[in-house]
């Protein structure tokens, strides 16, 4: 069934959405500083939008993004009840045995 046309949409952002946007803004600022760029906005000018960037800067940027995503995934696992994910996110040693005892350990 279709919703009534006069029904208001929920336009209030969620707290999780706000937190994610703040984290994304912080990461974009970090990337801007790391890559020595004035802005990450498109300025519709080749001389302003295209830059020579050394491969080590790209590698560092990819590594940083991967680690941030990995940590977020671990925290998500923690929110889903995975205690070993919380230990790993805190950079403590997590158990090396599989969660399912029927799985091989090697």
Protein backbone atom coordinates (compact mmCIF):
# COMPACT_ATOMS: atom_id res chain seq x y z
CA UNK A 1 0.00 0.00 0.00
CA UNK A 2 1.16 3.51 -0.66
CA UNK A 3 1.70 5.90 2.22
CA UNK A 4 -0.60 8.91 2.39
CA UNK A 5 0.72 11.82 0.37
CA UNK A 6 0.52 14.18 3.32
CA UNK A 7 2.64 11.90 5.55
CA UNK A 8 5.87 13.55 6.64
CA UNK A 9 9.15 11.81 5.94
CA UNK A 10 11.58 11.26 8.78
CA UNK A 11 14.25 13.84 7.91
CA UNK A 12 15.93 13.89 11.32
CA UNK A 13 19.38 12.29 11.03
CA UNK A 14 20.11 9.37 13.34
CA UNK A 15 22.83 9.61 15.96
CA UNK A 16 24.68 6.79 14.18
CA UNK A 17 24.48 8.75 10.91
CA UNK A 18 25.79 11.89 12.61
CA UNK A 19 28.68 9.95 14.18
CA UNK A 20 29.55 8.37 10.83
CA UNK A 21 29.51 11.76 9.10
CA UNK A 22 31.80 13.24 11.77
CA UNK A 23 34.19 10.31 11.38
CA UNK A 24 34.12 10.67 7.58
CA UNK A 25 34.78 14.41 7.84
CA UNK A 26 37.77 13.74 10.11
CA UNK A 27 39.15 11.14 7.68
CA UNK A 28 38.72 13.52 4.74
CA UNK A 29 40.59 16.21 6.64
CA UNK A 30 43.36 13.73 7.43
CA UNK A 31 43.60 12.74 3.74
CA UNK A 32 43.73 16.39 2.68
CA UNK A 33 46.62 17.08 5.05
CA UNK A 34 48.41 13.82 4.21
CA UNK A 35 48.23 14.49 0.46
CA UNK A 36 49.13 18.19 0.86
CA UNK A 37 45.94 19.33 -0.91
CA UNK A 38 44.07 22.58 -0.43
CA UNK A 39 40.70 20.91 -0.77
CA UNK A 40 39.10 17.63 -1.79
CA UNK A 41 36.27 19.45 -3.56
CA UNK A 42 36.00 19.36 -7.36
CA UNK A 43 36.89 22.76 -8.78
CA UNK A 44 36.31 21.98 -12.49
CA UNK A 45 39.84 22.93 -13.50
CA UNK A 46 42.52 20.45 -14.53
CA UNK A 47 45.25 22.49 -12.89
CA UNK A 48 43.32 22.49 -9.60
CA UNK A 49 41.78 19.00 -9.68
CA UNK A 50 44.68 16.82 -10.90
CA UNK A 51 47.78 16.38 -8.74
CA UNK A 52 51.00 14.37 -8.82
CA UNK A 53 50.88 12.17 -5.76
CA UNK A 54 53.73 9.82 -4.82
CA UNK A 55 52.88 6.14 -4.52
CA UNK A 56 53.94 6.04 -0.85
CA UNK A 57 51.30 8.65 -0.04
CA UNK A 58 48.66 6.59 -1.84
CA UNK A 59 49.87 3.45 -0.05
CA UNK A 60 49.69 5.23 3.34
CA UNK A 61 46.21 6.52 2.54
CA UNK A 62 44.96 3.05 1.56
CA UNK A 63 46.54 1.48 4.65
CA UNK A 64 44.96 4.11 6.89
CA UNK A 65 41.53 3.62 5.29
CA UNK A 66 41.80 -0.16 5.58
CA UNK A 67 42.81 -0.02 9.24
CA UNK A 68 39.99 2.41 10.06
CA UNK A 69 37.46 0.15 8.34
CA UNK A 70 38.90 -2.92 10.02
CA UNK A 71 38.66 -1.31 13.46
CA UNK A 72 35.08 -0.24 12.75
CA UNK A 73 34.26 -3.80 11.73
CA UNK A 74 35.74 -5.10 14.96
CA UNK A 75 33.65 -2.65 16.97
CA UNK A 76 30.60 -3.71 14.98
CA UNK A 77 31.41 -7.31 15.89
CA UNK A 78 31.65 -6.23 19.52
CA UNK A 79 28.20 -4.64 19.30
CA UNK A 80 26.96 -7.96 17.95
CA UNK A 81 28.28 -9.82 20.99
CA UNK A 82 31.74 -10.85 19.79
CA UNK A 83 33.97 -10.37 22.82
CA UNK A 84 37.05 -11.51 20.87
CA UNK A 85 36.46 -8.63 18.45
CA UNK A 86 36.55 -6.18 21.35
CA UNK A 87 39.91 -7.56 22.53
CA UNK A 88 41.33 -7.34 19.03
CA UNK A 89 39.99 -3.79 18.60
CA UNK A 90 41.77 -2.86 21.82
CA UNK A 91 44.90 -4.38 20.24
CA UNK A 92 44.94 -7.15 22.81
CA UNK A 93 45.60 -10.67 21.69
CA UNK A 94 42.39 -12.39 20.68
CA UNK A 95 42.03 -16.16 21.02
CA UNK A 96 43.55 -18.04 18.11
CA UNK A 97 41.19 -20.98 18.31
CA UNK A 98 38.17 -20.93 16.02
CA UNK A 99 34.82 -19.94 17.46
CA UNK A 100 33.35 -23.17 16.10
CA UNK A 101 35.21 -26.07 17.78
CA UNK A 102 34.40 -28.31 14.82
CA UNK A 103 36.59 -26.21 12.52
CA UNK A 104 40.23 -27.20 12.05
CA UNK A 105 42.77 -25.06 13.91
CA UNK A 106 45.32 -24.93 11.07
